[in-house]
C-alpha atoms as a PDB file:
ATOM      1  CA  MET A   1       0.000   0.000   0.000  1.00  0.00           C
ATOM      2  CA  GLU A   2       1.345   3.394  -0.995  1.00  0.00           C
ATOM      3  CA  ILE A   3       1.422   6.189   1.623  1.00  0.00           C
ATOM      4  CA  PRO A   4       3.306   9.224   0.247  1.00  0.00           C
ATOM      5  CA  GLU A   5       5.369  11.014   2.894  1.00  0.00           C
ATOM      6  CA  ASP A   6       4.538  14.528   1.623  1.00  0.00           C
ATOM      7  CA  LEU A   7       0.773  14.285   2.214  1.00  0.00           C
ATOM      8  CA  ARG A   8      -1.470  14.640   5.265  1.00  0.00           C
ATOM      9  CA  TYR A   9      -4.268  12.158   5.972  1.00  0.00           C
ATOM     10  CA  SER A  10      -7.682  12.026   7.626  1.00  0.00           C
ATOM     11  CA  ARG A  11      -8.932   9.125   9.729  1.00  0.00           C
ATOM     12  CA  GLU A  12     -11.621   8.661   7.049  1.00  0.00           C
ATOM     13  CA  HIS A  13      -8.884   7.862   4.464  1.00  0.00           C
ATOM     14  CA  GLU A  14      -8.708  11.110   2.500  1.00  0.00           C
ATOM     15  CA  TRP A  15      -5.408  12.812   1.695  1.00  0.00           C
ATOM     16  CA  VAL A  16      -4.432  16.495   1.450  1.00  0.00           C
ATOM     17  CA  ARG A  17      -1.594  18.001  -0.591  1.00  0.00           C
ATOM     18  CA  GLU A  18      -0.786  21.662  -0.003  1.00  0.00           C
ATOM     19  CA  ASP A  19      -0.341  23.642  -3.223  1.00  0.00           C
ATOM     20  CA  GLY A  20       0.285  27.325  -2.561  1.00  0.00           C
ATOM     21  CA  ASP A  21      -2.803  28.856  -0.956  1.00  0.00           C
ATOM     22  CA  GLU A  22      -4.947  25.889  -2.020  1.00  0.00           C
ATOM     23  CA  VAL A  23      -5.021  22.192  -1.197  1.00  0.00           C
ATOM     24  CA  VAL A  24      -5.744  19.181  -3.384  1.00  0.00           C
ATOM     25  CA  ILE A  25      -7.763  16.346  -1.849  1.00  0.00           C
ATOM     26  CA  GLY A  26      -8.429  12.739  -2.771  1.00  0.00           C
ATOM     27  CA  ILE A  27      -8.835   9.270  -1.309  1.00  0.00           C
ATOM     28  CA  THR A  28      -5.956   7.087  -0.215  1.00  0.00           C
ATOM     29  CA  ASP A  29      -4.640   3.911  -1.768  1.00  0.00           C
ATOM     30  CA  PHE A  30      -5.990   2.096   1.313  1.00  0.00           C
ATOM     31  CA  ALA A  31      -9.486   3.530   0.667  1.00  0.00           C
ATOM     32  CA  GLN A  32      -9.582   2.696  -3.032  1.00  0.00           C
ATOM     33  CA  ASP A  33      -8.406  -0.844  -2.306  1.00  0.00           C
ATOM     34  CA  ALA A  34     -11.121  -1.318   0.329  1.00  0.00           C
ATOM     35  CA  LEU A  35     -13.780   0.083  -2.013  1.00  0.00           C
ATOM     36  CA  GLY A  36     -12.932  -2.131  -4.966  1.00  0.00           C
ATOM     37  CA  ASP A  37     -13.638  -1.035  -8.525  1.00  0.00           C
ATOM     38  CA  VAL A  38     -14.981   2.539  -8.471  1.00  0.00           C
ATOM     39  CA  VAL A  39     -17.852   3.029 -10.934  1.00  0.00           C
ATOM     40  CA  TYR A  40     -19.204   6.499 -10.042  1.00  0.00           C
ATOM     41  CA  VAL A  41     -18.082   9.610  -8.156  1.00  0.00           C
ATOM     42  CA  SER A  42     -20.371  12.409  -6.957  1.00  0.00           C
ATOM     43  CA  LEU A  43     -18.172  15.505  -6.678  1.00  0.00           C
ATOM     44  CA  PRO A  44     -18.770  18.612  -4.565  1.00  0.00           C
ATOM     45  CA  ASP A  45     -19.971  21.729  -6.379  1.00  0.00           C
ATOM     46  CA  VAL A  46     -17.402  24.368  -7.311  1.00  0.00           C
ATOM     47  CA  GLY A  47     -18.007  27.377  -5.077  1.00  0.00           C
ATOM     48  CA  SER A  48     -19.545  25.342  -2.272  1.00  0.00           C
ATOM     49  CA  GLU A  49     -18.204  25.618   1.245  1.00  0.00           C
ATOM     50  CA  VAL A  50     -17.310  22.345   2.946  1.00  0.00           C
ATOM     51  CA  ALA A  51     -16.828  21.704   6.658  1.00  0.00           C
ATOM     52  CA  ALA A  52     -13.997  19.539   7.968  1.00  0.00           C
ATOM     53  CA  GLY A  53     -15.249  16.013   8.560  1.00  0.00           C
ATOM     54  CA  ALA A  54     -18.571  16.622   6.792  1.00  0.00           C
ATOM     55  CA  PRO A  55     -19.749  14.655   3.742  1.00  0.00           C
ATOM     56  CA  CYS A  56     -19.067  16.454   0.460  1.00  0.00           C
ATOM     57  CA  GLY A  57     -19.681  13.736  -2.125  1.00  0.00           C
ATOM     58  CA  GLU A  58     -20.059  10.004  -2.692  1.00  0.00           C
ATOM     59  CA  ILE A  59     -18.018   7.231  -4.193  1.00  0.00           C
ATOM     60  CA  GLU A  60     -19.827   4.219  -5.615  1.00  0.00           C
ATOM     61  CA  SER A  61     -17.979   0.979  -6.221  1.00  0.00           C
ATOM     62  CA  THR A  62     -18.911  -2.556  -7.160  1.00  0.00           C
ATOM     63  CA  LYS A  63     -18.923  -3.313  -3.412  1.00  0.00           C
ATOM     64  CA  SER A  64     -20.671  -0.317  -1.826  1.00  0.00           C
ATOM     65  CA  VAL A  65     -21.490   3.384  -1.761  1.00  0.00           C
ATOM     66  CA  SER A  66     -19.300   5.459   0.565  1.00  0.00           C
ATOM     67  CA  GLU A  67     -19.410   9.066   1.658  1.00  0.00           C
ATOM     68  CA  LEU A  68     -16.536  11.344   0.702  1.00  0.00           C
ATOM     69  CA  TYR A  69     -15.606  13.506   3.695  1.00  0.00           C
ATOM     70  CA  ALA A  70     -13.888  16.884   3.499  1.00  0.00           C
ATOM     71  CA  PRO A  71     -10.576  16.507   5.344  1.00  0.00           C
ATOM     72  CA  ILE A  72     -10.418  20.273   5.975  1.00  0.00           C
ATOM     73  CA  ALA A  73     -12.844  23.203   5.846  1.00  0.00           C
ATOM     74  CA  GLY A  74     -12.769  25.420   2.799  1.00  0.00           C
ATOM     75  CA  VAL A  75     -14.299  26.536  -0.472  1.00  0.00           C
ATOM     76  CA  VAL A  76     -14.217  24.196  -3.471  1.00  0.00           C
ATOM     77  CA  VAL A  77     -12.340  25.986  -6.264  1.00  0.00           C
ATOM     78  CA  ALA A  78     -12.075  23.085  -8.749  1.00  0.00           C
ATOM     79  CA  VAL A  79     -13.109  19.451  -9.168  1.00  0.00           C
ATOM     80  CA  ASN A  80     -11.612  16.681 -11.246  1.00  0.00           C
ATOM     81  CA  SER A  81     -14.234  16.474 -14.003  1.00  0.00           C
ATOM     82  CA  ALA A  82     -12.300  13.585 -15.608  1.00  0.00           C
ATOM     83  CA  LEU A  83     -13.754  11.352 -12.878  1.00  0.00           C
ATOM     84  CA  GLY A  84     -17.187  11.732 -14.499  1.00  0.00           C
ATOM     85  CA  ASP A  85     -16.097   9.686 -17.505  1.00  0.00           C
ATOM     86  CA  ARG A  86     -13.279   7.754 -15.828  1.00  0.00           C
ATOM     87  CA  PRO A  87     -14.076   7.062 -12.146  1.00  0.00           C
ATOM     88  CA  GLU A  88     -11.573   4.205 -12.245  1.00  0.00           C
ATOM     89  CA  LEU A  89      -8.806   6.832 -12.011  1.00  0.00           C
ATOM     90  CA  LEU A  90      -9.401   6.620  -8.250  1.00  0.00           C
ATOM     91  CA  ASN A  91      -8.263   2.995  -8.398  1.00  0.00           C
ATOM     92  CA  HIS A  92      -5.406   3.411 -10.860  1.00  0.00           C
ATOM     93  CA  ASP A  93      -3.822   6.650  -9.611  1.00  0.00           C
ATOM     94  CA  PRO A  94      -5.383   7.847  -6.320  1.00  0.00           C
ATOM     95  CA  TYR A  95      -2.566  10.326  -5.584  1.00  0.00           C
ATOM     96  CA  GLY A  96      -2.225  11.694  -9.125  1.00  0.00           C
ATOM     97  CA  GLU A  97      -4.855  11.730 -11.886  1.00  0.00           C
ATOM     98  CA  GLY A  98      -7.446  10.457  -9.376  1.00  0.00           C
ATOM     99  CA  TRP A  99      -7.479  13.669  -7.300  1.00  0.00           C
ATOM    100  CA  ILE A 100     -10.998  14.771  -6.372  1.00  0.00           C
ATOM    101  CA  ALA A 101     -11.082  18.508  -5.629  1.00  0.00           C
ATOM    102  CA  ARG A 102      -9.065  21.653  -4.925  1.00  0.00           C
ATOM    103  CA  LEU A 103     -10.031  23.715  -1.888  1.00  0.00           C
ATOM    104  CA  ARG A 104      -9.147  27.155  -0.589  1.00  0.00           C
ATOM    105  CA  PRO A 105      -8.825  26.429   3.154  1.00  0.00           C
ATOM    106  CA  ASN A 106     -10.734  28.504   5.715  1.00  0.00           C
ATOM    107  CA  GLY A 107      -7.674  29.134   7.856  1.00  0.00           C
ATOM    108  CA  ASP A 108      -3.932  28.875   8.166  1.00  0.00           C
ATOM    109  CA  ALA A 109      -2.302  25.508   8.773  1.00  0.00           C
ATOM    110  CA  ALA A 110      -5.609  23.655   8.341  1.00  0.00           C
ATOM    111  CA  ALA A 111      -3.780  20.464   7.310  1.00  0.00           C
ATOM    112  CA  ASP A 112      -1.695  20.498  10.510  1.00  0.00           C
ATOM    113  CA  ALA A 113      -4.541  18.807  12.406  1.00  0.00           C
ATOM    114  CA  LEU A 114      -4.360  15.813  10.050  1.00  0.00           C
ATOM    115  CA  LEU A 115      -2.187  12.704  10.345  1.00  0.00           C
ATOM    116  CA  ASP A 116       1.306  12.539   8.898  1.00  0.00           C
ATOM    117  CA  ALA A 117       2.368   9.478   6.876  1.00  0.00           C
ATOM    118  CA  ASP A 118       3.709   7.581   9.913  1.00  0.00           C
ATOM    119  CA  ALA A 119       0.523   8.137  11.933  1.00  0.00           C
ATOM    120  CA  TYR A 120      -1.658   7.152   8.955  1.00  0.00           C
ATOM    121  CA  ARG A 121       0.435   4.029   8.413  1.00  0.00           C
ATOM    122  CA  ALA A 122      -0.088   3.112  12.087  1.00  0.00           C
ATOM    123  CA  LEU A 123      -3.851   3.673  11.674  1.00  0.00           C
ATOM    124  CA  THR A 124      -4.126   1.403   8.639  1.00  0.00           C
ATOM    125  CA  GLU A 125      -1.878  -1.307  10.039  1.00  0.00           C
ATOM    126  CA  GLY A 126      -3.525  -1.298  13.479  1.00  0.00           C
END
């Protein structure tokens, strides 16, 4: 299972990558593996405000339907529209082409409250 060192992680298995004054979010390799083959993704609306830990979309797989939780609070500035036609990108490249949304966080150091790679590894192995 891949757990990039440069990302932060939520206990609900989303990741956050800081990119200037925005962050990119997605689901982890652990999450996509547990879900199985992803067949549909409901993305948050651009311009919507999301609260940390609150549902902001859904991911449907051949096994189940799961909520997508916002790992931090912020305003959605972009979504990965490629997932509409190719939801399997979440399975094939969860940390790259399978990103879900870009947010403008509602505060400084919002990702600091999330898990680092070592803590996330401990969570998934425990």
